[in-house]
Amino acid sequence: MKKLSVAVVALLLLSGCGNVSTSTAREDFIAGNGATTYIAIKNRVAAPTIKGMTLLGTKFSLPKNEMAVINVWASWCSPCRAEEPVLSAMSEKYSEINFVGILTRDNPVNAEAFVRKNMSPYPTLIDDSILIGFSKTLPANAIPTTLVLDKQGRVAGRISGVVTTASLSELVDKIESE
């Protein structure tokens, strides 16, 4: 009887090592490869309205007909965390351009802690339903994704994956000089 009890306990312990679906890993995460897409002026369409509540509890509305950099991110996303210093530095370099984050598939409490810890200088909206409005132009098909709007508020470019100083500067400079 003692051997049977030991065997049952051992089986129960070992069953905890099986492929049980208790993982908190994000299976829907798609990493971008850093590819940059540019849309010719004649093919651009207006970006959706970008407004809502920020992680820090304030209301935000992106001005119409102004250039903007929109970064789609999540605090659990390692590439997103890695690119944050670049985006912060670029928002200071291009202070005349609006920088806005859009949080997706994340816990706002964790994201707020990340934003506060890193002192991110631009707002992050917590309503990722805004992303639906980009579906007919350049959808945010990976995390992170960075979209650039031209001076008329039209979708002009996208970096799918981690931005670098070089990739974002090149795209922003090209669109800004039009």
N, C-alpha and C. Protein backbone atom coordinates (compact mmCIF):
# COMPACT_ATOMS: atom_id res chain seq x y z
N MET A 1 0.82 -1.18 0.00
CA MET A 1 0.00 0.00 0.00
C MET A 1 0.87 1.25 0.00
N LYS A 2 1.99 1.20 0.74
CA LYS A 2 2.90 2.33 0.82
C LYS A 2 3.49 2.62 -0.56
N LYS A 3 3.86 1.54 -1.32
CA LYS A 3 4.43 1.73 -2.65
C LYS A 3 3.40 2.35 -3.59
N LEU A 4 2.14 1.95 -3.46
CA LEU A 4 1.09 2.51 -4.30
C LEU A 4 0.88 3.99 -4.01
N SER A 5 0.91 4.36 -2.74
CA SER A 5 0.76 5.77 -2.36
C SER A 5 1.90 6.60 -2.90
N VAL A 6 3.12 6.09 -2.81
CA VAL A 6 4.30 6.80 -3.34
C VAL A 6 4.18 6.95 -4.86
N ALA A 7 3.71 5.91 -5.53
CA ALA A 7 3.56 5.96 -6.99
C ALA A 7 2.51 6.99 -7.39
N VAL A 8 1.39 7.06 -6.67
CA VAL A 8 0.34 8.03 -6.98
C VAL A 8 0.85 9.46 -6.77
N VAL A 9 1.54 9.69 -5.68
CA VAL A 9 2.10 11.02 -5.41
C VAL A 9 3.10 11.40 -6.49
N ALA A 10 3.95 10.45 -6.88
CA ALA A 10 4.95 10.71 -7.93
C ALA A 10 4.27 11.06 -9.25
N LEU A 11 3.22 10.32 -9.60
CA LEU A 11 2.49 10.61 -10.83
C LEU A 11 1.85 12.01 -10.79
N LEU A 12 1.29 12.37 -9.66
CA LEU A 12 0.68 13.69 -9.54
C LEU A 12 1.74 14.79 -9.67
N LEU A 13 2.88 14.60 -9.06
CA LEU A 13 3.94 15.59 -9.17
C LEU A 13 4.47 15.70 -10.60
N LEU A 14 4.65 14.56 -11.25
CA LEU A 14 5.17 14.57 -12.62
C LEU A 14 4.16 15.13 -13.61
N SER A 15 2.88 14.96 -13.33
CA SER A 15 1.88 15.50 -14.26
C SER A 15 1.93 17.02 -14.30
N GLY A 16 2.44 17.63 -13.27
CA GLY A 16 2.61 19.09 -13.25
C GLY A 16 3.70 19.54 -14.20
N CYS A 17 4.54 18.64 -14.67
CA CYS A 17 5.61 18.99 -15.59
C CYS A 17 5.19 18.85 -17.03
N GLY A 18 3.98 18.38 -17.27
CA GLY A 18 3.52 18.17 -18.64
C GLY A 18 3.19 19.48 -19.32
N ASN A 19 2.71 19.37 -20.53
CA ASN A 19 2.38 20.53 -21.33
C ASN A 19 0.97 21.02 -20.99
N VAL A 20 0.82 21.56 -19.82
CA VAL A 20 -0.44 22.09 -19.37
C VAL A 20 -0.51 23.56 -19.79
N SER A 21 -1.64 24.00 -20.23
CA SER A 21 -1.78 25.35 -20.75
C SER A 21 -1.94 26.37 -19.63
N THR A 22 -0.88 26.58 -18.85
CA THR A 22 -0.90 27.60 -17.81
C THR A 22 0.10 28.70 -18.10
N SER A 23 0.69 28.69 -19.26
CA SER A 23 1.69 29.68 -19.61
C SER A 23 1.05 31.05 -19.76
N THR A 24 1.78 32.07 -19.35
CA THR A 24 1.33 33.44 -19.56
C THR A 24 2.03 34.06 -20.76
N ALA A 25 2.75 33.26 -21.52
CA ALA A 25 3.44 33.76 -22.71
C ALA A 25 2.41 34.21 -23.74
N ARG A 26 2.78 35.20 -24.51
CA ARG A 26 1.90 35.75 -25.53
C ARG A 26 2.06 34.97 -26.82
N GLU A 27 1.09 34.11 -27.13
CA GLU A 27 1.15 33.33 -28.35
C GLU A 27 0.77 34.15 -29.57
N ASP A 28 0.12 35.31 -29.37
CA ASP A 28 -0.30 36.13 -30.48
C ASP A 28 0.72 37.21 -30.83
N PHE A 29 1.87 37.16 -30.23
CA PHE A 29 2.93 38.13 -30.46
C PHE A 29 3.63 37.84 -31.78
N ILE A 30 3.71 38.85 -32.63
CA ILE A 30 4.43 38.72 -33.89
C ILE A 30 5.50 39.79 -33.88
N ALA A 31 6.74 39.38 -33.97
CA ALA A 31 7.84 40.34 -33.99
C ALA A 31 8.06 40.83 -35.41
N GLY A 32 8.20 42.13 -35.53
CA GLY A 32 8.52 42.70 -36.84
C GLY A 32 10.00 42.55 -37.12
N ASN A 33 10.37 42.74 -38.37
CA ASN A 33 11.77 42.59 -38.75
C ASN A 33 12.45 43.92 -38.98
N GLY A 34 11.80 45.02 -38.62
CA GLY A 34 12.38 46.34 -38.82
C GLY A 34 12.17 46.90 -40.21
N ALA A 35 11.36 46.24 -41.01
CA ALA A 35 11.12 46.69 -42.38
C ALA A 35 10.40 48.03 -42.38
N THR A 36 10.85 48.91 -43.26
CA THR A 36 10.24 50.23 -43.40
C THR A 36 9.40 50.27 -44.65
N THR A 37 8.18 50.80 -44.53
CA THR A 37 7.28 50.97 -45.66
C THR A 37 7.01 52.45 -45.81
N TYR A 38 7.10 52.95 -47.03
CA TYR A 38 6.82 54.35 -47.33
C TYR A 38 5.68 54.39 -48.34
N ILE A 39 4.70 55.28 -48.10
CA ILE A 39 3.57 55.42 -49.01
C ILE A 39 3.76 56.71 -49.82
N ALA A 40 3.67 56.59 -51.13
CA ALA A 40 3.76 57.77 -51.99
C ALA A 40 2.63 58.74 -51.64
N ILE A 41 2.89 60.02 -51.78
CA ILE A 41 1.93 61.06 -51.40
C ILE A 41 0.56 60.83 -52.03
N LYS A 42 0.51 60.47 -53.28
CA LYS A 42 -0.78 60.31 -53.98
C LYS A 42 -1.60 59.13 -53.46
N ASN A 43 -0.97 58.22 -52.73
CA ASN A 43 -1.67 57.02 -52.24
C ASN A 43 -2.03 57.08 -50.76
N ARG A 44 -1.78 58.19 -50.13
CA ARG A 44 -2.02 58.29 -48.68
C ARG A 44 -3.49 58.58 -48.36
N VAL A 45 -3.89 58.05 -47.21
CA VAL A 45 -5.23 58.33 -46.70
C VAL A 45 -5.11 58.87 -45.27
N ALA A 46 -6.14 59.56 -44.85
CA ALA A 46 -6.14 60.17 -43.52
C ALA A 46 -6.04 59.10 -42.43
N ALA A 47 -5.28 59.43 -41.41
CA ALA A 47 -5.19 58.55 -40.23
C ALA A 47 -6.50 58.64 -39.46
N PRO A 48 -6.79 57.62 -38.67
CA PRO A 48 -8.00 57.70 -37.84
C PRO A 48 -7.82 58.76 -36.76
N THR A 49 -8.91 59.13 -36.14
CA THR A 49 -8.85 60.05 -35.00
C THR A 49 -8.09 59.35 -33.88
N ILE A 50 -7.13 60.05 -33.34
CA ILE A 50 -6.31 59.47 -32.28
C ILE A 50 -6.53 60.30 -31.02
N LYS A 51 -7.38 59.76 -30.15
CA LYS A 51 -7.68 60.45 -28.91
C LYS A 51 -8.15 59.43 -27.88
N GLY A 52 -8.05 59.84 -26.62
CA GLY A 52 -8.51 58.97 -25.56
C GLY A 52 -7.80 59.24 -24.26
N MET A 53 -7.94 58.31 -23.34
CA MET A 53 -7.32 58.41 -22.03
C MET A 53 -5.90 57.87 -22.08
N THR A 54 -4.99 58.58 -21.43
CA THR A 54 -3.60 58.14 -21.40
C THR A 54 -3.36 57.25 -20.18
N LEU A 55 -2.21 56.60 -20.19
CA LEU A 55 -1.82 55.77 -19.05
C LEU A 55 -1.76 56.56 -17.75
N LEU A 56 -1.44 57.84 -17.86
CA LEU A 56 -1.30 58.66 -16.66
C LEU A 56 -2.60 59.35 -16.27
N GLY A 57 -3.71 58.97 -16.94
CA GLY A 57 -5.03 59.43 -16.53
C GLY A 57 -5.46 60.77 -17.08
N THR A 58 -4.84 61.24 -18.13
CA THR A 58 -5.26 62.49 -18.74
C THR A 58 -5.91 62.21 -20.09
N LYS A 59 -6.74 63.14 -20.55
CA LYS A 59 -7.33 63.01 -21.87
C LYS A 59 -6.36 63.61 -22.89
N PHE A 60 -6.27 62.94 -24.04
CA PHE A 60 -5.36 63.39 -25.09
C PHE A 60 -6.07 63.32 -26.43
N SER A 61 -5.79 64.30 -27.28
CA SER A 61 -6.31 64.30 -28.64
C SER A 61 -5.20 64.79 -29.55
N LEU A 62 -4.81 63.95 -30.50
CA LEU A 62 -3.77 64.32 -31.45
C LEU A 62 -4.32 65.39 -32.38
N PRO A 63 -3.64 66.52 -32.50
CA PRO A 63 -4.12 67.57 -33.41
C PRO A 63 -4.21 67.06 -34.85
N LYS A 64 -5.23 67.51 -35.55
CA LYS A 64 -5.41 67.14 -36.97
C LYS A 64 -4.39 67.89 -37.81
N ASN A 65 -4.06 67.32 -38.94
CA ASN A 65 -3.19 67.97 -39.91
C ASN A 65 -1.83 68.38 -39.35
N GLU A 66 -1.27 67.51 -38.54
CA GLU A 66 0.08 67.72 -38.03
C GLU A 66 0.84 66.41 -38.15
N MET A 67 2.13 66.51 -38.31
CA MET A 67 2.98 65.34 -38.41
C MET A 67 3.03 64.63 -37.06
N ALA A 68 3.07 63.32 -37.10
CA ALA A 68 3.10 62.55 -35.85
C ALA A 68 3.81 61.22 -36.05
N VAL A 69 4.36 60.72 -34.94
CA VAL A 69 4.95 59.39 -34.87
C VAL A 69 4.11 58.63 -33.85
N ILE A 70 3.51 57.53 -34.29
CA ILE A 70 2.63 56.72 -33.45
C ILE A 70 3.31 55.38 -33.21
N ASN A 71 3.58 55.07 -31.95
CA ASN A 71 4.26 53.81 -31.62
C ASN A 71 3.29 52.86 -30.92
N VAL A 72 3.12 51.67 -31.48
CA VAL A 72 2.25 50.64 -30.90
C VAL A 72 3.14 49.70 -30.11
N TRP A 73 2.83 49.52 -28.83
CA TRP A 73 3.74 48.77 -27.97
C TRP A 73 2.99 48.09 -26.82
N ALA A 74 3.74 47.28 -26.08
CA ALA A 74 3.24 46.64 -24.86
C ALA A 74 4.42 46.50 -23.90
N SER A 75 4.15 46.59 -22.62
CA SER A 75 5.23 46.54 -21.63
C SER A 75 5.86 45.15 -21.51
N TRP A 76 5.14 44.10 -21.90
CA TRP A 76 5.68 42.73 -21.83
C TRP A 76 6.55 42.41 -23.03
N CYS A 77 6.57 43.28 -24.01
CA CYS A 77 7.27 43.07 -25.27
C CYS A 77 8.73 43.53 -25.15
N SER A 78 9.66 42.60 -25.19
CA SER A 78 11.08 42.94 -25.06
C SER A 78 11.56 43.93 -26.12
N PRO A 79 11.22 43.74 -27.40
CA PRO A 79 11.64 44.73 -28.40
C PRO A 79 11.06 46.12 -28.13
N CYS A 80 9.85 46.17 -27.60
CA CYS A 80 9.23 47.47 -27.28
C CYS A 80 10.01 48.16 -26.16
N ARG A 81 10.37 47.39 -25.16
CA ARG A 81 11.15 47.97 -24.06
C ARG A 81 12.52 48.43 -24.56
N ALA A 82 13.10 47.68 -25.48
CA ALA A 82 14.43 48.01 -26.00
C ALA A 82 14.42 49.29 -26.83
N GLU A 83 13.33 49.56 -27.54
CA GLU A 83 13.30 50.74 -28.40
C GLU A 83 12.86 52.01 -27.68
N GLU A 84 12.40 51.91 -26.46
CA GLU A 84 11.88 53.08 -25.74
C GLU A 84 12.92 54.20 -25.63
N PRO A 85 14.19 53.94 -25.31
CA PRO A 85 15.15 55.05 -25.24
C PRO A 85 15.33 55.77 -26.58
N VAL A 86 15.25 55.04 -27.67
CA VAL A 86 15.37 55.65 -29.00
C VAL A 86 14.18 56.57 -29.25
N LEU A 87 12.98 56.07 -28.97
CA LEU A 87 11.78 56.88 -29.18
C LEU A 87 11.77 58.13 -28.30
N SER A 88 12.21 57.99 -27.06
CA SER A 88 12.27 59.15 -26.17
C SER A 88 13.25 60.18 -26.71
N ALA A 89 14.42 59.74 -27.13
CA ALA A 89 15.42 60.66 -27.67
C ALA A 89 14.93 61.31 -28.96
N MET A 90 14.27 60.54 -29.80
CA MET A 90 13.76 61.08 -31.06
C MET A 90 12.64 62.08 -30.81
N SER A 91 11.82 61.87 -29.79
CA SER A 91 10.75 62.81 -29.49
C SER A 91 11.32 64.15 -29.03
N GLU A 92 12.49 64.12 -28.44
CA GLU A 92 13.15 65.37 -28.05
C GLU A 92 13.86 66.01 -29.24
N LYS A 93 14.47 65.19 -30.09
CA LYS A 93 15.13 65.71 -31.29
C LYS A 93 14.13 66.35 -32.23
N TYR A 94 12.98 65.70 -32.42
CA TYR A 94 11.92 66.20 -33.31
C TYR A 94 10.78 66.76 -32.45
N SER A 95 11.09 67.76 -31.67
CA SER A 95 10.10 68.29 -30.72
C SER A 95 8.89 68.93 -31.40
N GLU A 96 9.01 69.28 -32.67
CA GLU A 96 7.88 69.87 -33.40
C GLU A 96 6.92 68.81 -33.92
N ILE A 97 7.28 67.55 -33.78
CA ILE A 97 6.45 66.43 -34.23
C ILE A 97 5.79 65.78 -33.01
N ASN A 98 4.53 65.46 -33.14
CA ASN A 98 3.80 64.79 -32.06
C ASN A 98 4.22 63.32 -31.98
N PHE A 99 4.59 62.87 -30.80
CA PHE A 99 4.87 61.46 -30.55
C PHE A 99 3.78 60.95 -29.62
N VAL A 100 3.22 59.78 -29.96
CA VAL A 100 2.15 59.18 -29.17
C VAL A 100 2.34 57.68 -29.15
N GLY A 101 2.17 57.08 -28.00
CA GLY A 101 2.16 55.62 -27.90
C GLY A 101 0.72 55.13 -27.88
N ILE A 102 0.53 53.92 -28.37
CA ILE A 102 -0.76 53.23 -28.24
C ILE A 102 -0.46 51.87 -27.63
N LEU A 103 -0.96 51.66 -26.45
CA LEU A 103 -0.76 50.40 -25.73
C LEU A 103 -1.68 49.34 -26.32
N THR A 104 -1.15 48.15 -26.53
CA THR A 104 -1.99 47.07 -27.05
C THR A 104 -1.74 45.79 -26.27
N ARG A 105 -2.82 45.06 -26.04
CA ARG A 105 -2.77 43.74 -25.40
C ARG A 105 -1.90 43.73 -24.15
N ASP A 106 -2.16 44.65 -23.25
CA ASP A 106 -1.30 44.79 -22.08
C ASP A 106 -2.13 45.19 -20.86
N ASN A 107 -1.54 45.04 -19.72
CA ASN A 107 -2.11 45.47 -18.46
C ASN A 107 -1.70 46.92 -18.24
N PRO A 108 -2.64 47.85 -18.19
CA PRO A 108 -2.29 49.26 -18.04
C PRO A 108 -1.44 49.56 -16.80
N VAL A 109 -1.63 48.82 -15.74
CA VAL A 109 -0.85 49.05 -14.52
C VAL A 109 0.64 48.77 -14.78
N ASN A 110 0.93 47.66 -15.45
CA ASN A 110 2.32 47.34 -15.77
C ASN A 110 2.91 48.36 -16.73
N ALA A 111 2.13 48.76 -17.71
CA ALA A 111 2.61 49.73 -18.70
C ALA A 111 2.84 51.09 -18.05
N GLU A 112 1.95 51.49 -17.15
CA GLU A 112 2.13 52.77 -16.45
C GLU A 112 3.42 52.76 -15.64
N ALA A 113 3.69 51.66 -14.96
CA ALA A 113 4.93 51.55 -14.18
C ALA A 113 6.15 51.69 -15.09
N PHE A 114 6.09 51.07 -16.26
CA PHE A 114 7.19 51.16 -17.22
C PHE A 114 7.38 52.61 -17.69
N VAL A 115 6.30 53.27 -18.02
CA VAL A 115 6.35 54.66 -18.50
C VAL A 115 6.91 55.58 -17.42
N ARG A 116 6.44 55.40 -16.20
CA ARG A 116 6.93 56.25 -15.10
C ARG A 116 8.41 55.98 -14.82
N LYS A 117 8.80 54.72 -14.80
CA LYS A 117 10.19 54.36 -14.52
C LYS A 117 11.13 54.95 -15.58
N ASN A 118 10.71 54.90 -16.83
CA ASN A 118 11.55 55.38 -17.92
C ASN A 118 11.34 56.85 -18.26
N MET A 119 10.41 57.49 -17.55
CA MET A 119 10.10 58.90 -17.76
C MET A 119 9.87 59.20 -19.24
N SER A 120 9.05 58.38 -19.87
CA SER A 120 8.72 58.58 -21.28
C SER A 120 8.10 59.96 -21.47
N PRO A 121 8.64 60.75 -22.38
CA PRO A 121 8.20 62.14 -22.52
C PRO A 121 6.94 62.37 -23.35
N TYR A 122 6.35 61.33 -23.90
CA TYR A 122 5.17 61.49 -24.74
C TYR A 122 4.04 60.62 -24.18
N PRO A 123 2.78 60.97 -24.49
CA PRO A 123 1.65 60.22 -23.94
C PRO A 123 1.46 58.86 -24.60
N THR A 124 0.89 57.94 -23.84
CA THR A 124 0.48 56.64 -24.37
C THR A 124 -1.00 56.46 -24.11
N LEU A 125 -1.74 56.19 -25.17
CA LEU A 125 -3.17 55.95 -25.06
C LEU A 125 -3.44 54.48 -24.73
N ILE A 126 -4.48 54.24 -23.97
CA ILE A 126 -4.77 52.86 -23.54
C ILE A 126 -5.88 52.21 -24.35
N ASP A 127 -6.37 52.87 -25.38
CA ASP A 127 -7.46 52.33 -26.20
C ASP A 127 -6.90 51.82 -27.52
N ASP A 128 -6.61 50.52 -27.58
CA ASP A 128 -6.02 50.00 -28.82
C ASP A 128 -7.05 49.78 -29.92
N SER A 129 -8.32 50.10 -29.67
CA SER A 129 -9.30 50.02 -30.76
C SER A 129 -9.01 51.07 -31.83
N ILE A 130 -8.21 52.06 -31.49
CA ILE A 130 -7.76 53.06 -32.47
C ILE A 130 -7.07 52.38 -33.64
N LEU A 131 -6.41 51.28 -33.37
CA LEU A 131 -5.62 50.59 -34.40
C LEU A 131 -6.48 50.08 -35.55
N ILE A 132 -7.75 49.84 -35.32
CA ILE A 132 -8.65 49.38 -36.38
C ILE A 132 -8.68 50.40 -37.52
N GLY A 133 -8.57 51.67 -37.17
CA GLY A 133 -8.59 52.73 -38.17
C GLY A 133 -7.42 52.71 -39.14
N PHE A 134 -6.37 51.97 -38.81
CA PHE A 134 -5.22 51.86 -39.70
C PHE A 134 -5.30 50.64 -40.62
N SER A 135 -6.35 49.85 -40.49
CA SER A 135 -6.42 48.58 -41.21
C SER A 135 -6.44 48.71 -42.73
N LYS A 136 -6.89 49.85 -43.26
CA LYS A 136 -6.94 50.02 -44.72
C LYS A 136 -5.71 50.73 -45.28
N THR A 137 -4.77 51.07 -44.40
CA THR A 137 -3.55 51.73 -44.87
C THR A 137 -2.36 50.85 -44.51
N LEU A 138 -1.75 51.17 -43.38
CA LEU A 138 -0.62 50.37 -42.89
C LEU A 138 -0.97 49.85 -41.50
N PRO A 139 -1.55 48.68 -41.41
CA PRO A 139 -1.95 48.18 -40.10
C PRO A 139 -0.74 47.88 -39.21
N ALA A 140 -0.98 47.96 -37.92
CA ALA A 140 0.04 47.59 -36.95
C ALA A 140 0.06 46.06 -36.89
N ASN A 141 0.84 45.46 -37.77
CA ASN A 141 0.82 44.00 -37.93
C ASN A 141 1.86 43.28 -37.09
N ALA A 142 2.59 44.02 -36.29
CA ALA A 142 3.59 43.44 -35.41
C ALA A 142 3.70 44.33 -34.17
N ILE A 143 4.32 43.80 -33.16
CA ILE A 143 4.60 44.60 -31.97
C ILE A 143 6.11 44.56 -31.78
N PRO A 144 6.75 45.70 -31.76
CA PRO A 144 6.22 47.04 -31.93
C PRO A 144 6.03 47.40 -33.41
N THR A 145 5.19 48.38 -33.63
CA THR A 145 5.01 49.00 -34.94
C THR A 145 5.02 50.51 -34.72
N THR A 146 5.69 51.21 -35.60
CA THR A 146 5.73 52.67 -35.53
C THR A 146 5.22 53.23 -36.84
N LEU A 147 4.21 54.07 -36.75
CA LEU A 147 3.60 54.70 -37.92
C LEU A 147 3.97 56.18 -37.93
N VAL A 148 4.18 56.72 -39.13
CA VAL A 148 4.48 58.14 -39.26
C VAL A 148 3.38 58.79 -40.10
N LEU A 149 2.81 59.86 -39.56
CA LEU A 149 1.80 60.63 -40.26
C LEU A 149 2.45 61.87 -40.85
N ASP A 150 2.03 62.25 -42.05
CA ASP A 150 2.59 63.44 -42.68
C ASP A 150 1.94 64.71 -42.12
N LYS A 151 2.31 65.86 -42.66
CA LYS A 151 1.83 67.16 -42.16
C LYS A 151 0.33 67.36 -42.36
N GLN A 152 -0.28 66.54 -43.19
CA GLN A 152 -1.73 66.61 -43.39
C GLN A 152 -2.46 65.54 -42.58
N GLY A 153 -1.74 64.82 -41.73
CA GLY A 153 -2.36 63.80 -40.89
C GLY A 153 -2.68 62.52 -41.62
N ARG A 154 -1.99 62.29 -42.74
CA ARG A 154 -2.20 61.05 -43.51
C ARG A 154 -1.12 60.04 -43.16
N VAL A 155 -1.46 58.77 -43.26
CA VAL A 155 -0.50 57.71 -42.99
C VAL A 155 0.53 57.70 -44.11
N ALA A 156 1.80 57.91 -43.75
CA ALA A 156 2.86 58.05 -44.75
C ALA A 156 3.93 56.96 -44.67
N GLY A 157 4.06 56.31 -43.52
CA GLY A 157 5.09 55.29 -43.41
C GLY A 157 4.93 54.45 -42.17
N ARG A 158 5.65 53.33 -42.17
CA ARG A 158 5.59 52.39 -41.04
C ARG A 158 6.92 51.69 -40.90
N ILE A 159 7.32 51.48 -39.64
CA ILE A 159 8.44 50.59 -39.33
C ILE A 159 7.84 49.44 -38.55
N SER A 160 7.94 48.26 -39.10
CA SER A 160 7.37 47.06 -38.48
C SER A 160 8.48 46.36 -37.72
N GLY A 161 8.49 46.55 -36.42
CA GLY A 161 9.56 46.01 -35.58
C GLY A 161 10.26 47.15 -34.86
N VAL A 162 11.38 46.85 -34.29
CA VAL A 162 12.13 47.81 -33.49
C VAL A 162 12.64 48.96 -34.35
N VAL A 163 12.41 50.20 -33.88
CA VAL A 163 12.98 51.35 -34.57
C VAL A 163 14.41 51.55 -34.08
N THR A 164 15.22 52.06 -34.96
CA THR A 164 16.56 52.51 -34.60
C THR A 164 16.60 54.00 -34.86
N THR A 165 17.60 54.66 -34.33
CA THR A 165 17.74 56.09 -34.59
C THR A 165 17.83 56.32 -36.09
N ALA A 166 18.60 55.49 -36.79
CA ALA A 166 18.78 55.65 -38.23
C ALA A 166 17.48 55.41 -38.99
N SER A 167 16.76 54.33 -38.67
CA SER A 167 15.55 54.02 -39.44
C SER A 167 14.46 55.05 -39.23
N LEU A 168 14.27 55.49 -38.00
CA LEU A 168 13.22 56.46 -37.74
C LEU A 168 13.61 57.83 -38.28
N SER A 169 14.86 58.24 -38.11
CA SER A 169 15.31 59.53 -38.64
C SER A 169 15.15 59.59 -40.15
N GLU A 170 15.53 58.51 -40.83
CA GLU A 170 15.42 58.48 -42.28
C GLU A 170 13.97 58.65 -42.73
N LEU A 171 13.06 57.92 -42.10
CA LEU A 171 11.65 57.99 -42.47
C LEU A 171 11.05 59.35 -42.13
N VAL A 172 11.31 59.85 -40.94
CA VAL A 172 10.76 61.14 -40.51
C VAL A 172 11.31 62.26 -41.39
N ASP A 173 12.61 62.26 -41.65
CA ASP A 173 13.22 63.31 -42.47
C ASP A 173 12.64 63.31 -43.89
N LYS A 174 12.45 62.13 -44.44
CA LYS A 174 11.88 62.02 -45.80
C LYS A 174 10.48 62.62 -45.84
N ILE A 175 9.66 62.27 -44.87
CA ILE A 175 8.27 62.75 -44.85
C ILE A 175 8.22 64.23 -44.47
N GLU A 176 9.05 64.66 -43.57
CA GLU A 176 9.07 66.06 -43.14
C GLU A 176 9.50 66.99 -44.27
N SER A 177 10.37 66.53 -45.14
CA SER A 177 10.89 67.38 -46.20
C SER A 177 9.95 67.49 -47.41
N GLU A 178 8.87 66.79 -47.42
CA GLU A 178 7.95 66.82 -48.56
C GLU A 178 7.23 68.16 -48.67
